[in-house]
Structure formats: C-alpha cells, structure tokens
Amino acid sequence: MKKLSIIAALSIVSATAFAGEVPAALDQKSCKAEYPKAALVNEEEGTVSASFLVTAEGTVADSKLDKSSGSKALDKATLKALSSCRFKPGTKDGVPAQTWAKVDYVWKL
C-alpha cells in the first residue's frame, strides 16, 4: 500500500468589510478536518472556498460553499469540520458582532 502524506492547509481570505467592521477569523490551532475516506481512496485533492457566519460568541451560525474543490466529499468534510470550530468573533464599531468569515481550505495528499 502506498504511504500517503496528508496535508491540509487553511487560508483566511480577507472579507470585504464595511467601515468599522472587522470580519471573524478562524482559530486554526483548535480546528482540524479529517480527510474523508472516500477522497483518500480516490486520491482526491483540492481547495474548498467557503463562508461561515460567525456569532458574537465565536460559534458558526451558518455556512455556505463559495467554490467547490471538485470533490463532493472534500466540500462536505470542510463545511462539517469548520462549522464546529471556534472563531475569533468579528467586530462592528469595536463591539463583537455576527460577521461572515471566508476560508480557503486546501486538501493535499
């Protein structure tokens, strides 16, 4: 069996913010997605671009896929894993508030 090296990388994409608004940010240290078995078997790789609506408490209220990796398994795993992660809440006029965070998650074998 071929030994696989699994690398998943996160890239926080700057969200367009209104004046006085700072978007939420993913706490990368506390968040890791498990490579989906089906994607491993099929040796699928790719980058998933997604947006997460983060509450003032840092939890995810909603998520949406912005751009597919080309693999439904990787797309689904990204949304599921990152939706359960903690985020640093965004702010509006210096006060924690519900904001959107854009994240690019890279899946690489």
PDB file of N, CA and C in Angstrom:
ATOM      1  N   MET A   1       0.846  -1.190   0.000  1.00  0.00           N
ATOM      2  CA  MET A   1       0.000   0.000   0.000  1.00  0.00           C
ATOM      3  C   MET A   1       0.885   1.245   0.000  1.00  0.00           C
ATOM      4  N   LYS A   2       0.569   2.170  -0.812  1.00  0.00           N
ATOM      5  CA  LYS A   2       1.308   3.415  -0.933  1.00  0.00           C
ATOM      6  C   LYS A   2       1.108   4.269   0.318  1.00  0.00           C
ATOM      7  N   LYS A   3       2.218   4.740   0.867  1.00  0.00           N
ATOM      8  CA  LYS A   3       2.145   5.591   2.053  1.00  0.00           C
ATOM      9  C   LYS A   3       1.765   6.995   1.610  1.00  0.00           C
ATOM     10  N   LEU A   4       0.747   7.546   2.248  1.00  0.00           N
ATOM     11  CA  LEU A   4       0.260   8.863   1.875  1.00  0.00           C
ATOM     12  C   LEU A   4       0.627   9.891   2.929  1.00  0.00           C
ATOM     13  N   SER A   5       1.026  11.012   2.467  1.00  0.00           N
ATOM     14  CA  SER A   5       1.271  12.144   3.357  1.00  0.00           C
ATOM     15  C   SER A   5       0.088  13.081   3.174  1.00  0.00           C
ATOM     16  N   ILE A   6      -0.569  13.370   4.278  1.00  0.00           N
ATOM     17  CA  ILE A   6      -1.771  14.205   4.201  1.00  0.00           C
ATOM     18  C   ILE A   6      -1.459  15.594   4.720  1.00  0.00           C
ATOM     19  N   ILE A   7      -1.772  16.573   3.905  1.00  0.00           N
ATOM     20  CA  ILE A   7      -1.570  17.963   4.297  1.00  0.00           C
ATOM     21  C   ILE A   7      -2.863  18.721   4.048  1.00  0.00           C
ATOM     22  N   ALA A   8      -3.317  19.397   5.061  1.00  0.00           N
ATOM     23  CA  ALA A   8      -4.480  20.265   4.905  1.00  0.00           C
ATOM     24  C   ALA A   8      -4.054  21.644   5.383  1.00  0.00           C
ATOM     25  N   ALA A   9      -4.287  22.616   4.567  1.00  0.00           N
ATOM     26  CA  ALA A   9      -3.863  23.972   4.918  1.00  0.00           C
ATOM     27  C   ALA A   9      -5.051  24.910   4.877  1.00  0.00           C
ATOM     28  N   LEU A  10      -4.994  25.884   5.736  1.00  0.00           N
ATOM     29  CA  LEU A  10      -6.049  26.888   5.798  1.00  0.00           C
ATOM     30  C   LEU A  10      -5.510  28.216   5.324  1.00  0.00           C
ATOM     31  N   SER A  11      -6.346  28.911   4.658  1.00  0.00           N
ATOM     32  CA  SER A  11      -6.008  30.264   4.255  1.00  0.00           C
ATOM     33  C   SER A  11      -7.222  31.122   4.545  1.00  0.00           C
ATOM     34  N   ILE A  12      -7.026  32.106   5.375  1.00  0.00           N
ATOM     35  CA  ILE A  12      -8.122  33.011   5.676  1.00  0.00           C
ATOM     36  C   ILE A  12      -8.127  34.081   4.593  1.00  0.00           C
ATOM     37  N   VAL A  13      -9.245  34.227   3.955  1.00  0.00           N
ATOM     38  CA  VAL A  13      -9.381  35.202   2.889  1.00  0.00           C
ATOM     39  C   VAL A  13     -10.005  36.463   3.463  1.00  0.00           C
ATOM     40  N   SER A  14      -9.432  37.580   3.170  1.00  0.00           N
ATOM     41  CA  SER A  14      -9.992  38.838   3.679  1.00  0.00           C
ATOM     42  C   SER A  14     -11.381  39.050   3.106  1.00  0.00           C
ATOM     43  N   ALA A  15     -12.294  39.298   3.983  1.00  0.00           N
ATOM     44  CA  ALA A  15     -13.663  39.577   3.556  1.00  0.00           C
ATOM     45  C   ALA A  15     -13.802  41.078   3.354  1.00  0.00           C
ATOM     46  N   THR A  16     -14.620  41.431   2.411  1.00  0.00           N
ATOM     47  CA  THR A  16     -14.901  42.841   2.227  1.00  0.00           C
ATOM     48  C   THR A  16     -15.728  43.297   3.411  1.00  0.00           C
ATOM     49  N   ALA A  17     -15.194  44.229   4.148  1.00  0.00           N
ATOM     50  CA  ALA A  17     -15.879  44.692   5.352  1.00  0.00           C
ATOM     51  C   ALA A  17     -16.301  46.136   5.182  1.00  0.00           C
ATOM     52  N   PHE A  18     -17.387  46.451   5.838  1.00  0.00           N
ATOM     53  CA  PHE A  18     -17.856  47.825   5.828  1.00  0.00           C
ATOM     54  C   PHE A  18     -16.993  48.628   6.788  1.00  0.00           C
ATOM     55  N   ALA A  19     -17.021  49.928   6.673  1.00  0.00           N
ATOM     56  CA  ALA A  19     -16.257  50.782   7.574  1.00  0.00           C
ATOM     57  C   ALA A  19     -16.608  50.439   9.007  1.00  0.00           C
ATOM     58  N   GLY A  20     -15.576  50.244   9.829  1.00  0.00           N
ATOM     59  CA  GLY A  20     -15.804  49.922  11.228  1.00  0.00           C
ATOM     60  C   GLY A  20     -16.107  48.462  11.489  1.00  0.00           C
ATOM     61  N   GLU A  21     -16.031  47.622  10.451  1.00  0.00           N
ATOM     62  CA  GLU A  21     -16.322  46.198  10.617  1.00  0.00           C
ATOM     63  C   GLU A  21     -15.068  45.373  10.383  1.00  0.00           C
ATOM     64  N   VAL A  22     -14.798  44.445  11.301  1.00  0.00           N
ATOM     65  CA  VAL A  22     -13.681  43.512  11.172  1.00  0.00           C
ATOM     66  C   VAL A  22     -14.279  42.111  11.114  1.00  0.00           C
ATOM     67  N   PRO A  23     -13.984  41.344  10.044  1.00  0.00           N
ATOM     68  CA  PRO A  23     -14.589  40.015   9.924  1.00  0.00           C
ATOM     69  C   PRO A  23     -14.058  39.035  10.965  1.00  0.00           C
ATOM     70  N   ALA A  24     -14.819  37.990  11.229  1.00  0.00           N
ATOM     71  CA  ALA A  24     -14.416  36.920  12.140  1.00  0.00           C
ATOM     72  C   ALA A  24     -13.205  36.198  11.556  1.00  0.00           C
ATOM     73  N   ALA A  25     -12.425  35.551  12.428  1.00  0.00           N
ATOM     74  CA  ALA A  25     -11.236  34.818  11.989  1.00  0.00           C
ATOM     75  C   ALA A  25     -11.228  33.428  12.624  1.00  0.00           C
ATOM     76  N   LEU A  26     -10.843  32.443  11.840  1.00  0.00           N
ATOM     77  CA  LEU A  26     -10.785  31.061  12.305  1.00  0.00           C
ATOM     78  C   LEU A  26      -9.613  30.870  13.252  1.00  0.00           C
ATOM     79  N   ASP A  27      -9.858  30.176  14.365  1.00  0.00           N
ATOM     80  CA  ASP A  27      -8.789  29.804  15.289  1.00  0.00           C
ATOM     81  C   ASP A  27      -8.188  28.501  14.759  1.00  0.00           C
ATOM     82  N   GLN A  28      -7.127  28.611  13.956  1.00  0.00           N
ATOM     83  CA  GLN A  28      -6.558  27.461  13.265  1.00  0.00           C
ATOM     84  C   GLN A  28      -5.984  26.410  14.206  1.00  0.00           C
ATOM     85  N   LYS A  29      -5.552  26.795  15.382  1.00  0.00           N
ATOM     86  CA  LYS A  29      -4.959  25.846  16.324  1.00  0.00           C
ATOM     87  C   LYS A  29      -5.977  24.850  16.852  1.00  0.00           C
ATOM     88  N   SER A  30      -7.218  25.269  16.961  1.00  0.00           N
ATOM     89  CA  SER A  30      -8.241  24.404  17.553  1.00  0.00           C
ATOM     90  C   SER A  30      -9.092  23.695  16.506  1.00  0.00           C
ATOM     91  N   CYS A  31      -8.650  23.711  15.265  1.00  0.00           N
ATOM     92  CA  CYS A  31      -9.511  23.198  14.208  1.00  0.00           C
ATOM     93  C   CYS A  31      -8.744  22.303  13.235  1.00  0.00           C
ATOM     94  N   LYS A  32      -9.252  21.108  13.034  1.00  0.00           N
ATOM     95  CA  LYS A  32      -8.638  20.207  12.065  1.00  0.00           C
ATOM     96  C   LYS A  32      -9.714  19.313  11.461  1.00  0.00           C
ATOM     97  N   ALA A  33      -9.695  19.210  10.154  1.00  0.00           N
ATOM     98  CA  ALA A  33     -10.651  18.354   9.450  1.00  0.00           C
ATOM     99  C   ALA A  33      -9.989  17.009   9.138  1.00  0.00           C
ATOM    100  N   GLU A  34     -10.763  15.943   9.271  1.00  0.00           N
ATOM    101  CA  GLU A  34     -10.257  14.608   8.948  1.00  0.00           C
ATOM    102  C   GLU A  34     -10.476  14.350   7.454  1.00  0.00           C
ATOM    103  N   TYR A  35      -9.419  13.841   6.793  1.00  0.00           N
ATOM    104  CA  TYR A  35      -9.519  13.557   5.359  1.00  0.00           C
ATOM    105  C   TYR A  35     -10.593  12.492   5.150  1.00  0.00           C
ATOM    106  N   PRO A  36     -11.576  12.751   4.300  1.00  0.00           N
ATOM    107  CA  PRO A  36     -12.648  11.765   4.065  1.00  0.00           C
ATOM    108  C   PRO A  36     -12.092  10.483   3.437  1.00  0.00           C
ATOM    109  N   LYS A  37     -12.557   9.332   3.924  1.00  0.00           N
ATOM    110  CA  LYS A  37     -12.060   8.046   3.427  1.00  0.00           C
ATOM    111  C   LYS A  37     -12.271   7.897   1.926  1.00  0.00           C
ATOM    112  N   ALA A  38     -13.431   8.292   1.445  1.00  0.00           N
ATOM    113  CA  ALA A  38     -13.719   8.170   0.003  1.00  0.00           C
ATOM    114  C   ALA A  38     -12.745   9.008  -0.819  1.00  0.00           C
ATOM    115  N   ALA A  39     -12.411  10.191  -0.326  1.00  0.00           N
ATOM    116  CA  ALA A  39     -11.472  11.062  -1.033  1.00  0.00           C
ATOM    117  C   ALA A  39     -10.060  10.481  -0.990  1.00  0.00           C
ATOM    118  N   LEU A  40      -9.696   9.827   0.111  1.00  0.00           N
ATOM    119  CA  LEU A  40      -8.388   9.168   0.208  1.00  0.00           C
ATOM    120  C   LEU A  40      -8.274   8.038  -0.803  1.00  0.00           C
ATOM    121  N   VAL A  41      -9.311   7.202  -0.837  1.00  0.00           N
ATOM    122  CA  VAL A  41      -9.319   6.058  -1.754  1.00  0.00           C
ATOM    123  C   VAL A  41      -9.191   6.525  -3.202  1.00  0.00           C
ATOM    124  N   ASN A  42      -9.888   7.610  -3.531  1.00  0.00           N
ATOM    125  CA  ASN A  42      -9.869   8.139  -4.897  1.00  0.00           C
ATOM    126  C   ASN A  42      -8.739   9.132  -5.140  1.00  0.00           C
ATOM    127  N   GLU A  43      -7.897   9.342  -4.112  1.00  0.00           N
ATOM    128  CA  GLU A  43      -6.763  10.265  -4.183  1.00  0.00           C
ATOM    129  C   GLU A  43      -7.182  11.657  -4.657  1.00  0.00           C
ATOM    130  N   GLU A  44      -8.276  12.155  -4.066  1.00  0.00           N
ATOM    131  CA  GLU A  44      -8.806  13.470  -4.423  1.00  0.00           C
ATOM    132  C   GLU A  44      -8.113  14.563  -3.620  1.00  0.00           C
ATOM    133  N   GLU A  45      -7.812  15.666  -4.283  1.00  0.00           N
ATOM    134  CA  GLU A  45      -7.211  16.843  -3.675  1.00  0.00           C
ATOM    135  C   GLU A  45      -7.967  18.067  -4.174  1.00  0.00           C
ATOM    136  N   GLY A  46      -7.777  19.186  -3.510  1.00  0.00           N
ATOM    137  CA  GLY A  46      -8.395  20.413  -3.998  1.00  0.00           C
ATOM    138  C   GLY A  46      -8.534  21.455  -2.911  1.00  0.00           C
ATOM    139  N   THR A  47      -8.992  22.618  -3.324  1.00  0.00           N
ATOM    140  CA  THR A  47      -9.210  23.734  -2.409  1.00  0.00           C
ATOM    141  C   THR A  47     -10.693  24.051  -2.353  1.00  0.00           C
ATOM    142  N   VAL A  48     -11.199  24.114  -1.137  1.00  0.00           N
ATOM    143  CA  VAL A  48     -12.605  24.446  -0.907  1.00  0.00           C
ATOM    144  C   VAL A  48     -12.665  25.884  -0.404  1.00  0.00           C
ATOM    145  N   SER A  49     -13.464  26.713  -1.050  1.00  0.00           N
ATOM    146  CA  SER A  49     -13.697  28.083  -0.588  1.00  0.00           C
ATOM    147  C   SER A  49     -15.083  28.141   0.021  1.00  0.00           C
ATOM    148  N   ALA A  50     -15.141  28.579   1.279  1.00  0.00           N
ATOM    149  CA  ALA A  50     -16.411  28.597   1.990  1.00  0.00           C
ATOM    150  C   ALA A  50     -16.527  29.852   2.837  1.00  0.00           C
ATOM    151  N   SER A  51     -17.760  30.190   3.183  1.00  0.00           N
ATOM    152  CA  SER A  51     -18.041  31.321   4.063  1.00  0.00           C
ATOM    153  C   SER A  51     -18.784  30.809   5.282  1.00  0.00           C
ATOM    154  N   PHE A  52     -18.469  31.396   6.436  1.00  0.00           N
ATOM    155  CA  PHE A  52     -19.078  30.994   7.700  1.00  0.00           C
ATOM    156  C   PHE A  52     -19.620  32.225   8.405  1.00  0.00           C
ATOM    157  N   LEU A  53     -20.881  32.164   8.798  1.00  0.00           N
ATOM    158  CA  LEU A  53     -21.498  33.238   9.572  1.00  0.00           C
ATOM    159  C   LEU A  53     -21.200  32.951  11.031  1.00  0.00           C
ATOM    160  N   VAL A  54     -20.381  33.808  11.636  1.00  0.00           N
ATOM    161  CA  VAL A  54     -19.888  33.589  12.992  1.00  0.00           C
ATOM    162  C   VAL A  54     -20.610  34.524  13.959  1.00  0.00           C
ATOM    163  N   THR A  55     -21.113  33.959  15.042  1.00  0.00           N
ATOM    164  CA  THR A  55     -21.817  34.752  16.050  1.00  0.00           C
ATOM    165  C   THR A  55     -20.831  35.596  16.861  1.00  0.00           C
ATOM    166  N   ALA A  56     -21.351  36.492  17.646  1.00  0.00           N
ATOM    167  CA  ALA A  56     -20.521  37.327  18.520  1.00  0.00           C
ATOM    168  C   ALA A  56     -19.806  36.483  19.574  1.00  0.00           C
ATOM    169  N   GLU A  57     -20.256  35.239  19.781  1.00  0.00           N
ATOM    170  CA  GLU A  57     -19.620  34.333  20.740  1.00  0.00           C
ATOM    171  C   GLU A  57     -18.552  33.456  20.088  1.00  0.00           C
ATOM    172  N   GLY A  58     -18.435  33.499  18.746  1.00  0.00           N
ATOM    173  CA  GLY A  58     -17.407  32.727  18.047  1.00  0.00           C
ATOM    174  C   GLY A  58     -17.842  31.376  17.535  1.00  0.00           C
ATOM    175  N   THR A  59     -19.139  31.086  17.576  1.00  0.00           N
ATOM    176  CA  THR A  59     -19.648  29.831  17.021  1.00  0.00           C
ATOM    177  C   THR A  59     -20.232  30.080  15.629  1.00  0.00           C
ATOM    178  N   VAL A  60     -20.337  29.022  14.849  1.00  0.00           N
ATOM    179  CA  VAL A  60     -20.851  29.142  13.485  1.00  0.00           C
ATOM    180  C   VAL A  60     -22.368  28.998  13.474  1.00  0.00           C
ATOM    181  N   ALA A  61     -23.031  30.008  12.922  1.00  0.00           N
ATOM    182  CA  ALA A  61     -24.495  30.000  12.809  1.00  0.00           C
ATOM    183  C   ALA A  61     -24.940  29.465  11.450  1.00  0.00           C
ATOM    184  N   ASP A  62     -24.099  29.638  10.433  1.00  0.00           N
ATOM    185  CA  ASP A  62     -24.456  29.217   9.074  1.00  0.00           C
ATOM    186  C   ASP A  62     -23.174  29.061   8.273  1.00  0.00           C
ATOM    187  N   SER A  63     -23.242  28.272   7.219  1.00  0.00           N
ATOM    188  CA  SER A  63     -22.096  28.108   6.330  1.00  0.00           C
ATOM    189  C   SER A  63     -22.590  27.944   4.903  1.00  0.00           C
ATOM    190  N   LYS A  64     -21.722  28.293   3.963  1.00  0.00           N
ATOM    191  CA  LYS A  64     -22.078  28.100   2.552  1.00  0.00           C
ATOM    192  C   LYS A  64     -20.814  27.842   1.747  1.00  0.00           C
ATOM    193  N   LEU A  65     -20.969  27.032   0.736  1.00  0.00           N
ATOM    194  CA  LEU A  65     -19.886  26.709  -0.172  1.00  0.00           C
ATOM    195  C   LEU A  65     -19.799  27.807  -1.222  1.00  0.00           C
ATOM    196  N   ASP A  66     -18.637  28.455  -1.317  1.00  0.00           N
ATOM    197  CA  ASP A  66     -18.450  29.504  -2.321  1.00  0.00           C
ATOM    198  C   ASP A  66     -17.882  28.933  -3.617  1.00  0.00           C
ATOM    199  N   LYS A  67     -16.921  28.007  -3.490  1.00  0.00           N
ATOM    200  CA  LYS A  67     -16.309  27.388  -4.667  1.00  0.00           C
ATOM    201  C   LYS A  67     -15.905  25.964  -4.320  1.00  0.00           C
ATOM    202  N   SER A  68     -16.368  25.016  -5.128  1.00  0.00           N
ATOM    203  CA  SER A  68     -16.105  23.608  -4.898  1.00  0.00           C
ATOM    204  C   SER A  68     -14.657  23.240  -5.221  1.00  0.00           C
ATOM    205  N   SER A  69     -14.180  22.219  -4.535  1.00  0.00           N
ATOM    206  CA  SER A  69     -12.858  21.656  -4.815  1.00  0.00           C
ATOM    207  C   SER A  69     -12.926  20.722  -6.019  1.00  0.00           C
ATOM    208  N   GLY A  70     -14.134  20.374  -6.420  1.00  0.00           N
ATOM    209  CA  GLY A  70     -14.325  19.382  -7.468  1.00  0.00           C
ATOM    210  C   GLY A  70     -14.656  18.011  -6.871  1.00  0.00           C
ATOM    211  N   SER A  71     -14.582  17.918  -5.546  1.00  0.00           N
ATOM    212  CA  SER A  71     -14.885  16.679  -4.841  1.00  0.00           C
ATOM    213  C   SER A  71     -15.986  16.950  -3.823  1.00  0.00           C
ATOM    214  N   LYS A  72     -17.111  16.272  -3.976  1.00  0.00           N
ATOM    215  CA  LYS A  72     -18.214  16.459  -3.033  1.00  0.00           C
ATOM    216  C   LYS A  72     -17.794  16.040  -1.626  1.00  0.00           C
ATOM    217  N   ALA A  73     -16.981  14.993  -1.525  1.00  0.00           N
ATOM    218  CA  ALA A  73     -16.536  14.514  -0.211  1.00  0.00           C
ATOM    219  C   ALA A  73     -15.692  15.574   0.500  1.00  0.00           C
ATOM    220  N   LEU A  74     -14.777  16.218  -0.222  1.00  0.00           N
ATOM    221  CA  LEU A  74     -13.937  17.249   0.384  1.00  0.00           C
ATOM    222  C   LEU A  74     -14.753  18.490   0.743  1.00  0.00           C
ATOM    223  N   ASP A  75     -15.676  18.860  -0.131  1.00  0.00           N
ATOM    224  CA  ASP A  75     -16.536  20.021   0.139  1.00  0.00           C
ATOM    225  C   ASP A  75     -17.346  19.799   1.414  1.00  0.00           C
ATOM    226  N   LYS A  76     -17.985  18.636   1.510  1.00  0.00           N
ATOM    227  CA  LYS A  76     -18.830  18.314   2.660  1.00  0.00           C
ATOM    228  C   LYS A  76     -18.005  18.242   3.947  1.00  0.00           C
ATOM    229  N   ALA A  77     -16.833  17.626   3.881  1.00  0.00           N
ATOM    230  CA  ALA A  77     -15.971  17.500   5.067  1.00  0.00           C
ATOM    231  C   ALA A  77     -15.500  18.858   5.561  1.00  0.00           C
ATOM    232  N   THR A  78     -15.221  19.766   4.633  1.00  0.00           N
ATOM    233  CA  THR A  78     -14.780  21.109   5.016  1.00  0.00           C
ATOM    234  C   THR A  78     -15.882  21.845   5.758  1.00  0.00           C
ATOM    235  N   LEU A  79     -17.069  21.866   5.183  1.00  0.00           N
ATOM    236  CA  LEU A  79     -18.192  22.570   5.825  1.00  0.00           C
ATOM    237  C   LEU A  79     -18.516  21.969   7.191  1.00  0.00           C
ATOM    238  N   LYS A  80     -18.518  20.641   7.280  1.00  0.00           N
ATOM    239  CA  LYS A  80     -18.845  19.973   8.542  1.00  0.00           C
ATOM    240  C   LYS A  80     -17.787  20.263   9.611  1.00  0.00           C
ATOM    241  N   ALA A  81     -16.523  20.092   9.266  1.00  0.00           N
ATOM    242  CA  ALA A  81     -15.447  20.262  10.250  1.00  0.00           C
ATOM    243  C   ALA A  81     -15.314  21.711  10.709  1.00  0.00           C
ATOM    244  N   LEU A  82     -15.293  22.635   9.757  1.00  0.00           N
ATOM    245  CA  LEU A  82     -15.076  24.030  10.126  1.00  0.00           C
ATOM    246  C   LEU A  82     -16.290  24.651  10.802  1.00  0.00           C
ATOM    247  N   SER A  83     -17.464  24.094  10.571  1.00  0.00           N
ATOM    248  CA  SER A  83     -18.668  24.603  11.244  1.00  0.00           C
ATOM    249  C   SER A  83     -18.639  24.315  12.740  1.00  0.00           C
ATOM    250  N   SER A  84     -17.864  23.319  13.139  1.00  0.00           N
ATOM    251  CA  SER A  84     -17.774  23.001  14.566  1.00  0.00           C
ATOM    252  C   SER A  84     -16.546  23.632  15.231  1.00  0.00           C
ATOM    253  N   CYS A  85     -15.779  24.399  14.478  1.00  0.00           N
ATOM    254  CA  CYS A  85     -14.585  25.067  15.009  1.00  0.00           C
ATOM    255  C   CYS A  85     -14.946  26.369  15.715  1.00  0.00           C
ATOM    256  N   ARG A  86     -14.019  26.833  16.529  1.00  0.00           N
ATOM    257  CA  ARG A  86     -14.176  28.138  17.179  1.00  0.00           C
ATOM    258  C   ARG A  86     -13.555  29.201  16.281  1.00  0.00           C
ATOM    259  N   PHE A  87     -14.182  30.356  16.246  1.00  0.00           N
ATOM    260  CA  PHE A  87     -13.679  31.503  15.510  1.00  0.00           C
ATOM    261  C   PHE A  87     -13.473  32.653  16.486  1.00  0.00           C
ATOM    262  N   LYS A  88     -12.573  33.543  16.146  1.00  0.00           N
ATOM    263  CA  LYS A  88     -12.475  34.802  16.882  1.00  0.00           C
ATOM    264  C   LYS A  88     -13.575  35.674  16.297  1.00  0.00           C
ATOM    265  N   PRO A  89     -14.512  36.121  17.121  1.00  0.00           N
ATOM    266  CA  PRO A  89     -15.642  36.903  16.595  1.00  0.00           C
ATOM    267  C   PRO A  89     -15.179  38.168  15.883  1.00  0.00           C
ATOM    268  N   GLY A  90     -15.927  38.537  14.872  1.00  0.00           N
ATOM    269  CA  GLY A  90     -15.681  39.808  14.204  1.00  0.00           C
ATOM    270  C   GLY A  90     -16.246  40.936  15.052  1.00  0.00           C
ATOM    271  N   THR A  91     -15.965  42.142  14.635  1.00  0.00           N
ATOM    272  CA  THR A  91     -16.487  43.292  15.378  1.00  0.00           C
ATOM    273  C   THR A  91     -17.112  44.301  14.425  1.00  0.00           C
ATOM    274  N   LYS A  92     -18.046  45.064  14.967  1.00  0.00           N
ATOM    275  CA  LYS A  92     -18.642  46.197  14.273  1.00  0.00           C
ATOM    276  C   LYS A  92     -18.523  47.374  15.224  1.00  0.00           C
ATOM    277  N   ASP A  93     -17.798  48.383  14.779  1.00  0.00           N
ATOM    278  CA  ASP A  93     -17.543  49.560  15.617  1.00  0.00           C
ATOM    279  C   ASP A  93     -16.929  49.172  16.956  1.00  0.00           C
ATOM    280  N   GLY A  94     -16.026  48.178  16.936  1.00  0.00           N
ATOM    281  CA  GLY A  94     -15.298  47.777  18.131  1.00  0.00           C
ATOM    282  C   GLY A  94     -16.033  46.826  19.057  1.00  0.00           C
ATOM    283  N   VAL A  95     -17.251  46.451  18.723  1.00  0.00           N
ATOM    284  CA  VAL A  95     -18.060  45.567  19.572  1.00  0.00           C
ATOM    285  C   VAL A  95     -18.199  44.200  18.872  1.00  0.00           C
ATOM    286  N   PRO A  96     -17.977  43.082  19.615  1.00  0.00           N
ATOM    287  CA  PRO A  96     -18.171  41.770  18.996  1.00  0.00           C
ATOM    288  C   PRO A  96     -19.554  41.669  18.343  1.00  0.00           C
ATOM    289  N   ALA A  97     -19.561  41.147  17.117  1.00  0.00           N
ATOM    290  CA  ALA A  97     -20.819  41.078  16.365  1.00  0.00           C
ATOM    291  C   ALA A  97     -20.799  39.884  15.420  1.00  0.00           C
ATOM    292  N   GLN A  98     -21.958  39.510  14.951  1.00  0.00           N
ATOM    293  CA  GLN A  98     -22.093  38.448  13.962  1.00  0.00           C
ATOM    294  C   GLN A  98     -21.557  38.948  12.620  1.00  0.00           C
ATOM    295  N   THR A  99     -20.575  38.240  12.060  1.00  0.00           N
ATOM    296  CA  THR A  99     -19.993  38.613  10.766  1.00  0.00           C
ATOM    297  C   THR A  99     -19.670  37.341   9.977  1.00  0.00           C
ATOM    298  N   TRP A 100     -19.428  37.522   8.695  1.00  0.00           N
ATOM    299  CA  TRP A 100     -19.031  36.418   7.822  1.00  0.00           C
ATOM    300  C   TRP A 100     -17.514  36.314   7.771  1.00  0.00           C
ATOM    301  N   ALA A 101     -17.014  35.077   7.721  1.00  0.00           N
ATOM    302  CA  ALA A 101     -15.588  34.811   7.541  1.00  0.00           C
ATOM    303  C   ALA A 101     -15.443  33.940   6.296  1.00  0.00           C
ATOM    304  N   LYS A 102     -14.521  34.302   5.421  1.00  0.00           N
ATOM    305  CA  LYS A 102     -14.252  33.500   4.224  1.00  0.00           C
ATOM    306  C   LYS A 102     -12.992  32.685   4.482  1.00  0.00           C
ATOM    307  N   VAL A 103     -13.062  31.380   4.157  1.00  0.00           N
ATOM    308  CA  VAL A 103     -11.946  30.481   4.406  1.00  0.00           C
ATOM    309  C   VAL A 103     -11.682  29.637   3.154  1.00  0.00           C
ATOM    310  N   ASP A 104     -10.404  29.504   2.796  1.00  0.00           N
ATOM    311  CA  ASP A 104      -9.993  28.555   1.764  1.00  0.00           C
ATOM    312  C   ASP A 104      -9.315  27.401   2.490  1.00  0.00           C
ATOM    313  N   TYR A 105      -9.823  26.194   2.302  1.00  0.00           N
ATOM    314  CA  TYR A 105      -9.246  25.009   2.950  1.00  0.00           C
ATOM    315  C   TYR A 105      -8.646  24.134   1.864  1.00  0.00           C
ATOM    316  N   VAL A 106      -7.351  23.851   1.982  1.00  0.00           N
ATOM    317  CA  VAL A 106      -6.624  23.090   0.961  1.00  0.00           C
ATOM    318  C   VAL A 106      -6.453  21.658   1.437  1.00  0.00           C
ATOM    319  N   TRP A 107      -6.883  20.715   0.603  1.00  0.00           N
ATOM    320  CA  TRP A 107      -6.718  19.289   0.861  1.00  0.00           C
ATOM    321  C   TRP A 107      -5.627  18.766  -0.078  1.00  0.00           C
ATOM    322  N   LYS A 108      -4.578  18.195   0.482  1.00  0.00           N
ATOM    323  CA  LYS A 108      -3.477  17.696  -0.348  1.00  0.00           C
ATOM    324  C   LYS A 108      -2.958  16.390   0.238  1.00  0.00           C
ATOM    325  N   LEU A 109      -2.781  15.405  -0.622  1.00  0.00           N
ATOM    326  CA  LEU A 109      -2.229  14.107  -0.190  1.00  0.00           C
ATOM    327  C   LEU A 109      -0.714  14.156  -0.230  1.00  0.00           C
TER     328      LEU A 109
END
